Amino acid sequence: MQQFKIEYVFKNISTSILWNLISSTQGLEKWYAESCREENGKFVFEWGNSEEVAQLLKKKEGEYIRFHREDSEKNTFFEFQINTNPLTKDVTLTIIDFAEEDEIEDAEMLWNKQIEELRKSSGI
């Protein structure tokens, strides 16, 4: 498995709105999964008949949240980070994830599609 990182810049969004979209079950249902629930520190994401369970590893309010997919290798995770450019006030959402080397391009395309959904659902 290889780690990769993608950055998405948002011009007009508050960090608190973006934080809610990446860290709450209600926010994640708007763009990441059809359904999302939290059970004992685990997030259960559902798409049709498919389900993914991810353990919340750590988070720092307003800055980052990290999950480990239960069906993935031990030292892998996916993480959302929020950063604000002090000069332009643009907000960057950085996604860190893992994939097999020959699947990174597909994984990036999937994240691009998810972020497109995030932009639509939040009006940004």
PDB file of N, CA and C in Angstrom:
ATOM      1  N   MET A   1       0.848  -1.183   0.000  1.00  0.00           N
ATOM      2  CA  MET A   1       0.000   0.000   0.000  1.00  0.00           C
ATOM      3  C   MET A   1       0.890   1.242   0.000  1.00  0.00           C
ATOM      4  N   GLN A   2       0.433   2.231  -0.733  1.00  0.00           N
ATOM      5  CA  GLN A   2       1.194   3.470  -0.843  1.00  0.00           C
ATOM      6  C   GLN A   2       0.308   4.648  -0.438  1.00  0.00           C
ATOM      7  N   GLN A   3       0.877   5.556   0.316  1.00  0.00           N
ATOM      8  CA  GLN A   3       0.133   6.749   0.739  1.00  0.00           C
ATOM      9  C   GLN A   3       0.116   7.772  -0.390  1.00  0.00           C
ATOM     10  N   PHE A   4      -1.011   8.461  -0.538  1.00  0.00           N
ATOM     11  CA  PHE A   4      -1.101   9.572  -1.475  1.00  0.00           C
ATOM     12  C   PHE A   4      -1.884  10.700  -0.826  1.00  0.00           C
ATOM     13  N   LYS A   5      -1.700  11.889  -1.378  1.00  0.00           N
ATOM     14  CA  LYS A   5      -2.314  13.085  -0.807  1.00  0.00           C
ATOM     15  C   LYS A   5      -2.911  13.922  -1.934  1.00  0.00           C
ATOM     16  N   ILE A   6      -4.112  14.445  -1.705  1.00  0.00           N
ATOM     17  CA  ILE A   6      -4.782  15.316  -2.684  1.00  0.00           C
ATOM     18  C   ILE A   6      -5.248  16.564  -1.945  1.00  0.00           C
ATOM     19  N   GLU A   7      -5.097  17.721  -2.578  1.00  0.00           N
ATOM     20  CA  GLU A   7      -5.546  18.978  -1.968  1.00  0.00           C
ATOM     21  C   GLU A   7      -6.634  19.613  -2.826  1.00  0.00           C
ATOM     22  N   TYR A   8      -7.659  20.106  -2.135  1.00  0.00           N
ATOM     23  CA  TYR A   8      -8.771  20.802  -2.793  1.00  0.00           C
ATOM     24  C   TYR A   8      -8.901  22.172  -2.155  1.00  0.00           C
ATOM     25  N   VAL A   9      -8.935  23.213  -2.993  1.00  0.00           N
ATOM     26  CA  VAL A   9      -9.029  24.582  -2.496  1.00  0.00           C
ATOM     27  C   VAL A   9     -10.466  25.065  -2.616  1.00  0.00           C
ATOM     28  N   PHE A  10     -10.947  25.675  -1.548  1.00  0.00           N
ATOM     29  CA  PHE A  10     -12.292  26.246  -1.497  1.00  0.00           C
ATOM     30  C   PHE A  10     -12.155  27.738  -1.258  1.00  0.00           C
ATOM     31  N   LYS A  11     -12.843  28.533  -2.075  1.00  0.00           N
ATOM     32  CA  LYS A  11     -12.729  29.991  -1.964  1.00  0.00           C
ATOM     33  C   LYS A  11     -13.651  30.586  -0.901  1.00  0.00           C
ATOM     34  N   ASN A  12     -14.877  30.113  -0.844  1.00  0.00           N
ATOM     35  CA  ASN A  12     -15.856  30.753   0.044  1.00  0.00           C
ATOM     36  C   ASN A  12     -16.528  29.753   0.958  1.00  0.00           C
ATOM     37  N   ILE A  13     -15.802  29.278   1.944  1.00  0.00           N
ATOM     38  CA  ILE A  13     -16.399  28.370   2.915  1.00  0.00           C
ATOM     39  C   ILE A  13     -15.766  28.636   4.272  1.00  0.00           C
ATOM     40  N   SER A  14     -16.569  28.575   5.297  1.00  0.00           N
ATOM     41  CA  SER A  14     -16.006  28.737   6.632  1.00  0.00           C
ATOM     42  C   SER A  14     -15.436  27.395   7.069  1.00  0.00           C
ATOM     43  N   THR A  15     -14.395  27.441   7.853  1.00  0.00           N
ATOM     44  CA  THR A  15     -13.786  26.194   8.315  1.00  0.00           C
ATOM     45  C   THR A  15     -14.758  25.415   9.202  1.00  0.00           C
ATOM     46  N   SER A  16     -15.637  26.105   9.909  1.00  0.00           N
ATOM     47  CA  SER A  16     -16.586  25.380  10.773  1.00  0.00           C
ATOM     48  C   SER A  16     -17.595  24.587   9.945  1.00  0.00           C
ATOM     49  N   ILE A  17     -18.043  25.136   8.822  1.00  0.00           N
ATOM     50  CA  ILE A  17     -18.958  24.396   7.940  1.00  0.00           C
ATOM     51  C   ILE A  17     -18.240  23.193   7.346  1.00  0.00           C
ATOM     52  N   LEU A  18     -17.025  23.406   6.857  1.00  0.00           N
ATOM     53  CA  LEU A  18     -16.265  22.305   6.270  1.00  0.00           C
ATOM     54  C   LEU A  18     -15.975  21.236   7.326  1.00  0.00           C
ATOM     55  N   TRP A  19     -15.642  21.650   8.535  1.00  0.00           N
ATOM     56  CA  TRP A  19     -15.377  20.699   9.613  1.00  0.00           C
ATOM     57  C   TRP A  19     -16.608  19.819   9.858  1.00  0.00           C
ATOM     58  N   ASN A  20     -17.774  20.427   9.898  1.00  0.00           N
ATOM     59  CA  ASN A  20     -19.005  19.664  10.106  1.00  0.00           C
ATOM     60  C   ASN A  20     -19.221  18.639   8.986  1.00  0.00           C
ATOM     61  N   LEU A  21     -18.882  19.024   7.752  1.00  0.00           N
ATOM     62  CA  LEU A  21     -19.076  18.135   6.606  1.00  0.00           C
ATOM     63  C   LEU A  21     -18.139  16.923   6.624  1.00  0.00           C
ATOM     64  N   ILE A  22     -16.975  17.058   7.253  1.00  0.00           N
ATOM     65  CA  ILE A  22     -16.013  15.946   7.243  1.00  0.00           C
ATOM     66  C   ILE A  22     -15.959  15.172   8.557  1.00  0.00           C
ATOM     67  N   SER A  23     -16.629  15.661   9.606  1.00  0.00           N
ATOM     68  CA  SER A  23     -16.464  15.016  10.906  1.00  0.00           C
ATOM     69  C   SER A  23     -17.759  14.526  11.554  1.00  0.00           C
ATOM     70  N   SER A  24     -18.905  14.914  11.007  1.00  0.00           N
ATOM     71  CA  SER A  24     -20.176  14.482  11.602  1.00  0.00           C
ATOM     72  C   SER A  24     -20.882  13.491  10.679  1.00  0.00           C
ATOM     73  N   THR A  25     -21.692  12.640  11.262  1.00  0.00           N
ATOM     74  CA  THR A  25     -22.427  11.668  10.445  1.00  0.00           C
ATOM     75  C   THR A  25     -23.351  12.392   9.467  1.00  0.00           C
ATOM     76  N   GLN A  26     -24.004  13.467   9.934  1.00  0.00           N
ATOM     77  CA  GLN A  26     -24.909  14.216   9.046  1.00  0.00           C
ATOM     78  C   GLN A  26     -24.136  14.860   7.896  1.00  0.00           C
ATOM     79  N   GLY A  27     -22.962  15.404   8.189  1.00  0.00           N
ATOM     80  CA  GLY A  27     -22.146  16.019   7.144  1.00  0.00           C
ATOM     81  C   GLY A  27     -21.637  14.995   6.142  1.00  0.00           C
ATOM     82  N   LEU A  28     -21.168  13.865   6.635  1.00  0.00           N
ATOM     83  CA  LEU A  28     -20.636  12.823   5.752  1.00  0.00           C
ATOM     84  C   LEU A  28     -21.717  12.219   4.867  1.00  0.00           C
ATOM     85  N   GLU A  29     -22.958  12.187   5.347  1.00  0.00           N
ATOM     86  CA  GLU A  29     -24.076  11.685   4.526  1.00  0.00           C
ATOM     87  C   GLU A  29     -24.382  12.611   3.354  1.00  0.00           C
ATOM     88  N   LYS A  30     -23.972  13.853   3.441  1.00  0.00           N
ATOM     89  CA  LYS A  30     -24.250  14.797   2.352  1.00  0.00           C
ATOM     90  C   LYS A  30     -23.351  14.579   1.146  1.00  0.00           C
ATOM     91  N   TRP A  31     -22.197  13.931   1.342  1.00  0.00           N
ATOM     92  CA  TRP A  31     -21.271  13.819   0.221  1.00  0.00           C
ATOM     93  C   TRP A  31     -20.466  12.522   0.176  1.00  0.00           C
ATOM     94  N   TYR A  32     -20.225  11.887   1.292  1.00  0.00           N
ATOM     95  CA  TYR A  32     -19.328  10.734   1.297  1.00  0.00           C
ATOM     96  C   TYR A  32     -20.069   9.405   1.170  1.00  0.00           C
ATOM     97  N   ALA A  33     -21.157   9.256   1.891  1.00  0.00           N
ATOM     98  CA  ALA A  33     -21.897   7.993   1.879  1.00  0.00           C
ATOM     99  C   ALA A  33     -23.388   8.273   1.833  1.00  0.00           C
ATOM    100  N   GLU A  34     -24.148   7.285   1.356  1.00  0.00           N
ATOM    101  CA  GLU A  34     -25.612   7.437   1.352  1.00  0.00           C
ATOM    102  C   GLU A  34     -26.149   7.492   2.770  1.00  0.00           C
ATOM    103  N   SER A  35     -25.506   6.725   3.652  1.00  0.00           N
ATOM    104  CA  SER A  35     -25.924   6.672   5.050  1.00  0.00           C
ATOM    105  C   SER A  35     -24.677   6.565   5.910  1.00  0.00           C
ATOM    106  N   CYS A  36     -24.725   7.180   7.083  1.00  0.00           N
ATOM    107  CA  CYS A  36     -23.594   7.136   7.991  1.00  0.00           C
ATOM    108  C   CYS A  36     -24.111   7.157   9.420  1.00  0.00           C
ATOM    109  N   ARG A  37     -23.538   6.290  10.250  1.00  0.00           N
ATOM    110  CA  ARG A  37     -23.891   6.314  11.670  1.00  0.00           C
ATOM    111  C   ARG A  37     -22.631   6.047  12.482  1.00  0.00           C
ATOM    112  N   GLU A  38     -22.660   6.495  13.721  1.00  0.00           N
ATOM    113  CA  GLU A  38     -21.518   6.284  14.604  1.00  0.00           C
ATOM    114  C   GLU A  38     -21.922   5.330  15.714  1.00  0.00           C
ATOM    115  N   GLU A  39     -21.089   4.325  15.935  1.00  0.00           N
ATOM    116  CA  GLU A  39     -21.340   3.333  16.973  1.00  0.00           C
ATOM    117  C   GLU A  39     -20.043   3.060  17.721  1.00  0.00           C
ATOM    118  N   ASN A  40     -19.961   3.487  18.968  1.00  0.00           N
ATOM    119  CA  ASN A  40     -18.791   3.205  19.818  1.00  0.00           C
ATOM    120  C   ASN A  40     -17.469   3.620  19.179  1.00  0.00           C
ATOM    121  N   GLY A  41     -17.399   4.837  18.658  1.00  0.00           N
ATOM    122  CA  GLY A  41     -16.162   5.328  18.062  1.00  0.00           C
ATOM    123  C   GLY A  41     -15.896   4.816  16.663  1.00  0.00           C
ATOM    124  N   LYS A  42     -16.828   4.055  16.115  1.00  0.00           N
ATOM    125  CA  LYS A  42     -16.698   3.567  14.743  1.00  0.00           C
ATOM    126  C   LYS A  42     -17.751   4.238  13.879  1.00  0.00           C
ATOM    127  N   PHE A  43     -17.352   4.583  12.679  1.00  0.00           N
ATOM    128  CA  PHE A  43     -18.283   5.154  11.717  1.00  0.00           C
ATOM    129  C   PHE A  43     -18.651   4.058  10.733  1.00  0.00           C
ATOM    130  N   VAL A  44     -19.945   3.884  10.500  1.00  0.00           N
ATOM    131  CA  VAL A  44     -20.429   2.879   9.561  1.00  0.00           C
ATOM    132  C   VAL A  44     -20.985   3.635   8.357  1.00  0.00           C
ATOM    133  N   PHE A  45     -20.323   3.451   7.215  1.00  0.00           N
ATOM    134  CA  PHE A  45     -20.727   4.111   5.974  1.00  0.00           C
ATOM    135  C   PHE A  45     -21.449   3.098   5.106  1.00  0.00           C
ATOM    136  N   GLU A  46     -22.560   3.515   4.496  1.00  0.00           N
ATOM    137  CA  GLU A  46     -23.322   2.606   3.642  1.00  0.00           C
ATOM    138  C   GLU A  46     -23.597   3.237   2.284  1.00  0.00           C
ATOM    139  N   TRP A  47     -23.498   2.378   1.257  1.00  0.00           N
ATOM    140  CA  TRP A  47     -23.848   2.723  -0.115  1.00  0.00           C
ATOM    141  C   TRP A  47     -24.650   1.555  -0.651  1.00  0.00           C
ATOM    142  N   GLY A  48     -25.945   1.704  -0.783  1.00  0.00           N
ATOM    143  CA  GLY A  48     -26.765   0.591  -1.257  1.00  0.00           C
ATOM    144  C   GLY A  48     -26.604  -0.612  -0.345  1.00  0.00           C
ATOM    145  N   ASN A  49     -26.169  -1.744  -0.911  1.00  0.00           N
ATOM    146  CA  ASN A  49     -25.955  -2.960  -0.118  1.00  0.00           C
ATOM    147  C   ASN A  49     -24.535  -3.089   0.404  1.00  0.00           C
ATOM    148  N   SER A  50     -23.714  -2.077   0.176  1.00  0.00           N
ATOM    149  CA  SER A  50     -22.318  -2.127   0.582  1.00  0.00           C
ATOM    150  C   SER A  50     -22.122  -1.332   1.880  1.00  0.00           C
ATOM    151  N   GLU A  51     -21.204  -1.826   2.729  1.00  0.00           N
ATOM    152  CA  GLU A  51     -20.967  -1.173   4.011  1.00  0.00           C
ATOM    153  C   GLU A  51     -19.464  -1.142   4.279  1.00  0.00           C
ATOM    154  N   GLU A  52     -19.014  -0.035   4.876  1.00  0.00           N
ATOM    155  CA  GLU A  52     -17.619   0.106   5.274  1.00  0.00           C
ATOM    156  C   GLU A  52     -17.603   0.596   6.717  1.00  0.00           C
ATOM    157  N   VAL A  53     -16.803  -0.044   7.557  1.00  0.00           N
ATOM    158  CA  VAL A  53     -16.686   0.369   8.955  1.00  0.00           C
ATOM    159  C   VAL A  53     -15.299   0.960   9.140  1.00  0.00           C
ATOM    160  N   ALA A  54     -15.249   2.137   9.744  1.00  0.00           N
ATOM    161  CA  ALA A  54     -13.978   2.811   9.969  1.00  0.00           C
ATOM    162  C   ALA A  54     -13.881   3.254  11.425  1.00  0.00           C
ATOM    163  N   GLN A  55     -12.763   2.934  12.043  1.00  0.00           N
ATOM    164  CA  GLN A  55     -12.490   3.329  13.423  1.00  0.00           C
ATOM    165  C   GLN A  55     -11.970   4.760  13.422  1.00  0.00           C
ATOM    166  N   LEU A  56     -12.526   5.603  14.275  1.00  0.00           N
ATOM    167  CA  LEU A  56     -11.998   6.951  14.439  1.00  0.00           C
ATOM    168  C   LEU A  56     -10.694   6.820  15.216  1.00  0.00           C
ATOM    169  N   LEU A  57      -9.574   7.201  14.597  1.00  0.00           N
ATOM    170  CA  LEU A  57      -8.277   7.067  15.246  1.00  0.00           C
ATOM    171  C   LEU A  57      -7.945   8.294  16.090  1.00  0.00           C
ATOM    172  N   LYS A  58      -8.097   9.469  15.473  1.00  0.00           N
ATOM    173  CA  LYS A  58      -7.846  10.694  16.225  1.00  0.00           C
ATOM    174  C   LYS A  58      -8.399  11.877  15.463  1.00  0.00           C
ATOM    175  N   LYS A  59      -8.627  12.939  16.223  1.00  0.00           N
ATOM    176  CA  LYS A  59      -9.080  14.164  15.586  1.00  0.00           C
ATOM    177  C   LYS A  59      -8.681  15.348  16.444  1.00  0.00           C
ATOM    178  N   LYS A  60      -8.529  16.481  15.781  1.00  0.00           N
ATOM    179  CA  LYS A  60      -8.293  17.748  16.453  1.00  0.00           C
ATOM    180  C   LYS A  60      -9.341  18.697  15.894  1.00  0.00           C
ATOM    181  N   GLU A  61     -10.252  19.097  16.750  1.00  0.00           N
ATOM    182  CA  GLU A  61     -11.406  19.909  16.360  1.00  0.00           C
ATOM    183  C   GLU A  61     -11.012  21.030  15.391  1.00  0.00           C
ATOM    184  N   GLY A  62     -11.660  21.043  14.232  1.00  0.00           N
ATOM    185  CA  GLY A  62     -11.450  22.096  13.244  1.00  0.00           C
ATOM    186  C   GLY A  62     -10.200  21.943  12.398  1.00  0.00           C
ATOM    187  N   GLU A  63      -9.365  20.917  12.684  1.00  0.00           N
ATOM    188  CA  GLU A  63      -8.105  20.782  11.953  1.00  0.00           C
ATOM    189  C   GLU A  63      -7.972  19.484  11.162  1.00  0.00           C
ATOM    190  N   TYR A  64      -8.203  18.328  11.824  1.00  0.00           N
ATOM    191  CA  TYR A  64      -8.080  17.068  11.099  1.00  0.00           C
ATOM    192  C   TYR A  64      -8.870  15.978  11.796  1.00  0.00           C
ATOM    193  N   ILE A  65      -9.201  14.964  11.001  1.00  0.00           N
ATOM    194  CA  ILE A  65      -9.855  13.764  11.523  1.00  0.00           C
ATOM    195  C   ILE A  65      -9.296  12.579  10.736  1.00  0.00           C
ATOM    196  N   ARG A  66      -8.952  11.504  11.470  1.00  0.00           N
ATOM    197  CA  ARG A  66      -8.321  10.332  10.853  1.00  0.00           C
ATOM    198  C   ARG A  66      -9.109   9.071  11.193  1.00  0.00           C
ATOM    199  N   PHE A  67      -9.337   8.255  10.148  1.00  0.00           N
ATOM    200  CA  PHE A  67     -10.067   6.995  10.277  1.00  0.00           C
ATOM    201  C   PHE A  67      -9.216   5.839   9.769  1.00  0.00           C
ATOM    202  N   HIS A  68      -9.476   4.650  10.299  1.00  0.00           N
ATOM    203  CA  HIS A  68      -8.883   3.422   9.767  1.00  0.00           C
ATOM    204  C   HIS A  68     -10.020   2.509   9.309  1.00  0.00           C
ATOM    205  N   ARG A  69      -9.992   2.133   8.027  1.00  0.00           N
ATOM    206  CA  ARG A  69     -10.980   1.192   7.507  1.00  0.00           C
ATOM    207  C   ARG A  69     -10.685  -0.185   8.087  1.00  0.00           C
ATOM    208  N   GLU A  70     -11.691  -0.813   8.672  1.00  0.00           N
ATOM    209  CA  GLU A  70     -11.476  -2.099   9.337  1.00  0.00           C
ATOM    210  C   GLU A  70     -10.997  -3.199   8.397  1.00  0.00           C
ATOM    211  N   ASP A  71     -11.342  -3.108   7.114  1.00  0.00           N
ATOM    212  CA  ASP A  71     -10.927  -4.153   6.171  1.00  0.00           C
ATOM    213  C   ASP A  71      -9.613  -3.815   5.459  1.00  0.00           C
ATOM    214  N   SER A  72      -8.884  -2.810   5.965  1.00  0.00           N
ATOM    215  CA  SER A  72      -7.621  -2.399   5.343  1.00  0.00           C
ATOM    216  C   SER A  72      -6.424  -2.825   6.183  1.00  0.00           C
ATOM    217  N   GLU A  73      -5.253  -2.723   5.577  1.00  0.00           N
ATOM    218  CA  GLU A  73      -4.021  -3.069   6.270  1.00  0.00           C
ATOM    219  C   GLU A  73      -3.856  -2.239   7.541  1.00  0.00           C
ATOM    220  N   LYS A  74      -3.111  -2.790   8.489  1.00  0.00           N
ATOM    221  CA  LYS A  74      -3.007  -2.220   9.829  1.00  0.00           C
ATOM    222  C   LYS A  74      -2.566  -0.751   9.867  1.00  0.00           C
ATOM    223  N   ASN A  75      -1.508  -0.391   9.183  1.00  0.00           N
ATOM    224  CA  ASN A  75      -0.953   0.958   9.296  1.00  0.00           C
ATOM    225  C   ASN A  75      -1.482   1.931   8.244  1.00  0.00           C
ATOM    226  N   THR A  76      -2.668   1.665   7.720  1.00  0.00           N
ATOM    227  CA  THR A  76      -3.261   2.567   6.734  1.00  0.00           C
ATOM    228  C   THR A  76      -4.396   3.348   7.382  1.00  0.00           C
ATOM    229  N   PHE A  77      -4.759   4.450   6.743  1.00  0.00           N
ATOM    230  CA  PHE A  77      -5.827   5.311   7.253  1.00  0.00           C
ATOM    231  C   PHE A  77      -6.285   6.220   6.135  1.00  0.00           C
ATOM    232  N   PHE A  78      -7.376   6.938   6.376  1.00  0.00           N
ATOM    233  CA  PHE A  78      -7.701   8.084   5.528  1.00  0.00           C
ATOM    234  C   PHE A  78      -7.960   9.250   6.459  1.00  0.00           C
ATOM    235  N   GLU A  79      -7.504  10.408   6.030  1.00  0.00           N
ATOM    236  CA  GLU A  79      -7.532  11.585   6.891  1.00  0.00           C
ATOM    237  C   GLU A  79      -7.971  12.796   6.097  1.00  0.00           C
ATOM    238  N   PHE A  80      -8.749  13.641   6.751  1.00  0.00           N
ATOM    239  CA  PHE A  80      -9.149  14.931   6.195  1.00  0.00           C
ATOM    240  C   PHE A  80      -8.482  16.009   7.033  1.00  0.00           C
ATOM    241  N   GLN A  81      -7.784  16.950   6.377  1.00  0.00           N
ATOM    242  CA  GLN A  81      -7.132  18.067   7.073  1.00  0.00           C
ATOM    243  C   GLN A  81      -7.657  19.372   6.497  1.00  0.00           C
ATOM    244  N   ILE A  82      -7.868  20.336   7.386  1.00  0.00           N
ATOM    245  CA  ILE A  82      -8.315  21.667   6.964  1.00  0.00           C
ATOM    246  C   ILE A  82      -7.210  22.675   7.272  1.00  0.00           C
ATOM    247  N   ASN A  83      -6.851  23.461   6.259  1.00  0.00           N
ATOM    248  CA  ASN A  83      -5.866  24.530   6.436  1.00  0.00           C
ATOM    249  C   ASN A  83      -6.388  25.792   5.773  1.00  0.00           C
ATOM    250  N   THR A  84      -6.068  26.935   6.359  1.00  0.00           N
ATOM    251  CA  THR A  84      -6.467  28.215   5.793  1.00  0.00           C
ATOM    252  C   THR A  84      -5.230  29.009   5.421  1.00  0.00           C
ATOM    253  N   ASN A  85      -5.208  29.525   4.196  1.00  0.00           N
ATOM    254  CA  ASN A  85      -4.114  30.375   3.758  1.00  0.00           C
ATOM    255  C   ASN A  85      -4.278  31.739   4.428  1.00  0.00           C
ATOM    256  N   PRO A  86      -3.310  32.179   5.211  1.00  0.00           N
ATOM    257  CA  PRO A  86      -3.466  33.443   5.941  1.00  0.00           C
ATOM    258  C   PRO A  86      -3.568  34.674   5.038  1.00  0.00           C
ATOM    259  N   LEU A  87      -3.020  34.602   3.833  1.00  0.00           N
ATOM    260  CA  LEU A  87      -3.069  35.762   2.932  1.00  0.00           C
ATOM    261  C   LEU A  87      -4.370  35.828   2.140  1.00  0.00           C
ATOM    262  N   THR A  88      -4.747  34.694   1.511  1.00  0.00           N
ATOM    263  CA  THR A  88      -5.921  34.694   0.635  1.00  0.00           C
ATOM    264  C   THR A  88      -7.204  34.298   1.360  1.00  0.00           C
ATOM    265  N   LYS A  89      -7.060  33.696   2.521  1.00  0.00           N
ATOM    266  CA  LYS A  89      -8.184  33.156   3.309  1.00  0.00           C
ATOM    267  C   LYS A  89      -8.841  31.958   2.629  1.00  0.00           C
ATOM    268  N   ASP A  90      -8.226  31.447   1.543  1.00  0.00           N
ATOM    269  CA  ASP A  90      -8.725  30.230   0.917  1.00  0.00           C
ATOM    270  C   ASP A  90      -8.559  29.069   1.891  1.00  0.00           C
ATOM    271  N   VAL A  91      -9.504  28.161   1.866  1.00  0.00           N
ATOM    272  CA  VAL A  91      -9.467  26.993   2.740  1.00  0.00           C
ATOM    273  C   VAL A  91      -9.093  25.783   1.886  1.00  0.00           C
ATOM    274  N   THR A  92      -8.125  25.015   2.364  1.00  0.00           N
ATOM    275  CA  THR A  92      -7.695  23.810   1.659  1.00  0.00           C
ATOM    276  C   THR A  92      -8.103  22.591   2.456  1.00  0.00           C
ATOM    277  N   LEU A  93      -8.760  21.658   1.770  1.00  0.00           N
ATOM    278  CA  LEU A  93      -9.064  20.357   2.346  1.00  0.00           C
ATOM    279  C   LEU A  93      -8.059  19.383   1.743  1.00  0.00           C
ATOM    280  N   THR A  94      -7.241  18.798   2.615  1.00  0.00           N
ATOM    281  CA  THR A  94      -6.260  17.816   2.178  1.00  0.00           C
ATOM    282  C   THR A  94      -6.765  16.436   2.574  1.00  0.00           C
ATOM    283  N   ILE A  95      -6.724  15.521   1.622  1.00  0.00           N
ATOM    284  CA  ILE A  95      -7.106  14.140   1.890  1.00  0.00           C
ATOM    285  C   ILE A  95      -5.860  13.281   1.768  1.00  0.00           C
ATOM    286  N   ILE A  96      -5.608  12.504   2.796  1.00  0.00           N
ATOM    287  CA  ILE A  96      -4.513  11.538   2.783  1.00  0.00           C
ATOM    288  C   ILE A  96      -5.157  10.157   2.822  1.00  0.00           C
ATOM    289  N   ASP A  97      -4.735   9.297   1.909  1.00  0.00           N
ATOM    290  CA  ASP A  97      -5.317   7.957   1.832  1.00  0.00           C
ATOM    291  C   ASP A  97      -4.241   6.987   1.366  1.00  0.00           C
ATOM    292  N   PHE A  98      -4.582   5.714   1.312  1.00  0.00           N
ATOM    293  CA  PHE A  98      -3.671   4.672   0.870  1.00  0.00           C
ATOM    294  C   PHE A  98      -4.349   3.840  -0.209  1.00  0.00           C
ATOM    295  N   ALA A  99      -3.533   3.375  -1.148  1.00  0.00           N
ATOM    296  CA  ALA A  99      -4.025   2.472  -2.196  1.00  0.00           C
ATOM    297  C   ALA A  99      -2.837   1.691  -2.740  1.00  0.00           C
ATOM    298  N   GLU A 100      -3.136   0.613  -3.430  1.00  0.00           N
ATOM    299  CA  GLU A 100      -2.079  -0.102  -4.146  1.00  0.00           C
ATOM    300  C   GLU A 100      -1.555   0.839  -5.220  1.00  0.00           C
ATOM    301  N   GLU A 101      -0.277   0.725  -5.538  1.00  0.00           N
ATOM    302  CA  GLU A 101       0.353   1.648  -6.475  1.00  0.00           C
ATOM    303  C   GLU A 101      -0.402   1.745  -7.799  1.00  0.00           C
ATOM    304  N   ASP A 102      -0.875   0.613  -8.304  1.00  0.00           N
ATOM    305  CA  ASP A 102      -1.578   0.617  -9.590  1.00  0.00           C
ATOM    306  C   ASP A 102      -3.047   1.037  -9.462  1.00  0.00           C
ATOM    307  N   GLU A 103      -3.493   1.368  -8.248  1.00  0.00           N
ATOM    308  CA  GLU A 103      -4.873   1.801  -8.034  1.00  0.00           C
ATOM    309  C   GLU A 103      -4.977   3.253  -7.553  1.00  0.00           C
ATOM    310  N   ILE A 104      -3.847   3.931  -7.414  1.00  0.00           N
ATOM    311  CA  ILE A 104      -3.854   5.304  -6.894  1.00  0.00           C
ATOM    312  C   ILE A 104      -4.643   6.238  -7.808  1.00  0.00           C
ATOM    313  N   GLU A 105      -4.451   6.117  -9.112  1.00  0.00           N
ATOM    314  CA  GLU A 105      -5.162   6.986 -10.056  1.00  0.00           C
ATOM    315  C   GLU A 105      -6.680   6.809  -9.918  1.00  0.00           C
ATOM    316  N   ASP A 106      -7.142   5.568  -9.797  1.00  0.00           N
ATOM    317  CA  ASP A 106      -8.575   5.308  -9.615  1.00  0.00           C
ATOM    318  C   ASP A 106      -9.066   5.875  -8.284  1.00  0.00           C
ATOM    319  N   ALA A 107      -8.264   5.714  -7.235  1.00  0.00           N
ATOM    320  CA  ALA A 107      -8.641   6.241  -5.918  1.00  0.00           C
ATOM    321  C   ALA A 107      -8.741   7.766  -5.965  1.00  0.00           C
ATOM    322  N   GLU A 108      -7.815   8.417  -6.658  1.00  0.00           N
ATOM    323  CA  GLU A 108      -7.862   9.878  -6.788  1.00  0.00           C
ATOM    324  C   GLU A 108      -9.108  10.310  -7.562  1.00  0.00           C
ATOM    325  N   MET A 109      -9.457   9.570  -8.612  1.00  0.00           N
ATOM    326  CA  MET A 109     -10.667   9.900  -9.375  1.00  0.00           C
ATOM    327  C   MET A 109     -11.910   9.761  -8.501  1.00  0.00           C
ATOM    328  N   LEU A 110     -11.939   8.729  -7.659  1.00  0.00           N
ATOM    329  CA  LEU A 110     -13.063   8.551  -6.754  1.00  0.00           C
ATOM    330  C   LEU A 110     -13.149   9.713  -5.763  1.00  0.00           C
ATOM    331  N   TRP A 111     -12.014  10.124  -5.192  1.00  0.00           N
ATOM    332  CA  TRP A 111     -12.026  11.280  -4.280  1.00  0.00           C
ATOM    333  C   TRP A 111     -12.470  12.548  -5.015  1.00  0.00           C
ATOM    334  N   ASN A 112     -12.028  12.732  -6.259  1.00  0.00           N
ATOM    335  CA  ASN A 112     -12.453  13.907  -7.033  1.00  0.00           C
ATOM    336  C   ASN A 112     -13.972  13.923  -7.176  1.00  0.00           C
ATOM    337  N   LYS A 113     -14.542  12.756  -7.440  1.00  0.00           N
ATOM    338  CA  LYS A 113     -16.001  12.655  -7.571  1.00  0.00           C
ATOM    339  C   LYS A 113     -16.679  12.978  -6.231  1.00  0.00           C
ATOM    340  N   GLN A 114     -16.115  12.454  -5.145  1.00  0.00           N
ATOM    341  CA  GLN A 114     -16.691  12.718  -3.819  1.00  0.00           C
ATOM    342  C   GLN A 114     -16.634  14.216  -3.493  1.00  0.00           C
ATOM    343  N   ILE A 115     -15.516  14.851  -3.800  1.00  0.00           N
ATOM    344  CA  ILE A 115     -15.370  16.278  -3.499  1.00  0.00           C
ATOM    345  C   ILE A 115     -16.298  17.103  -4.389  1.00  0.00           C
ATOM    346  N   GLU A 116     -16.531  16.661  -5.604  1.00  0.00           N
ATOM    347  CA  GLU A 116     -17.514  17.328  -6.469  1.00  0.00           C
ATOM    348  C   GLU A 116     -18.893  17.275  -5.794  1.00  0.00           C
ATOM    349  N   GLU A 117     -19.210  16.136  -5.203  1.00  0.00           N
ATOM    350  CA  GLU A 117     -20.470  15.971  -4.467  1.00  0.00           C
ATOM    351  C   GLU A 117     -20.503  16.884  -3.232  1.00  0.00           C
ATOM    352  N   LEU A 118     -19.375  16.994  -2.555  1.00  0.00           N
ATOM    353  CA  LEU A 118     -19.266  17.891  -1.397  1.00  0.00           C
ATOM    354  C   LEU A 118     -19.542  19.335  -1.804  1.00  0.00           C
ATOM    355  N   ARG A 119     -18.952  19.749  -2.927  1.00  0.00           N
ATOM    356  CA  ARG A 119     -19.152  21.130  -3.407  1.00  0.00           C
ATOM    357  C   ARG A 119     -20.630  21.356  -3.757  1.00  0.00           C
ATOM    358  N   LYS A 120     -21.260  20.398  -4.432  1.00  0.00           N
ATOM    359  CA  LYS A 120     -22.670  20.535  -4.800  1.00  0.00           C
ATOM    360  C   LYS A 120     -23.572  20.589  -3.573  1.00  0.00           C
ATOM    361  N   SER A 121     -23.363  19.668  -2.659  1.00  0.00           N
ATOM    362  CA  SER A 121     -24.257  19.553  -1.500  1.00  0.00           C
ATOM    363  C   SER A 121     -24.145  20.741  -0.559  1.00  0.00           C
ATOM    364  N   SER A 122     -22.979  21.377  -0.551  1.00  0.00           N
ATOM    365  CA  SER A 122     -22.790  22.503   0.362  1.00  0.00           C
ATOM    366  C   SER A 122     -22.873  23.853  -0.352  1.00  0.00           C
ATOM    367  N   GLY A 123     -23.058  23.828  -1.662  1.00  0.00           N
ATOM    368  CA  GLY A 123     -23.204  25.075  -2.419  1.00  0.00           C
ATOM    369  C   GLY A 123     -21.904  25.841  -2.561  1.00  0.00           C
ATOM    370  N   ILE A 124     -20.772  25.135  -2.613  1.00  0.00           N
ATOM    371  CA  ILE A 124     -19.488  25.810  -2.741  1.00  0.00           C
ATOM    372  C   ILE A 124     -18.753  25.397  -4.000  1.00  0.00           C
TER     373      ILE A 124
END
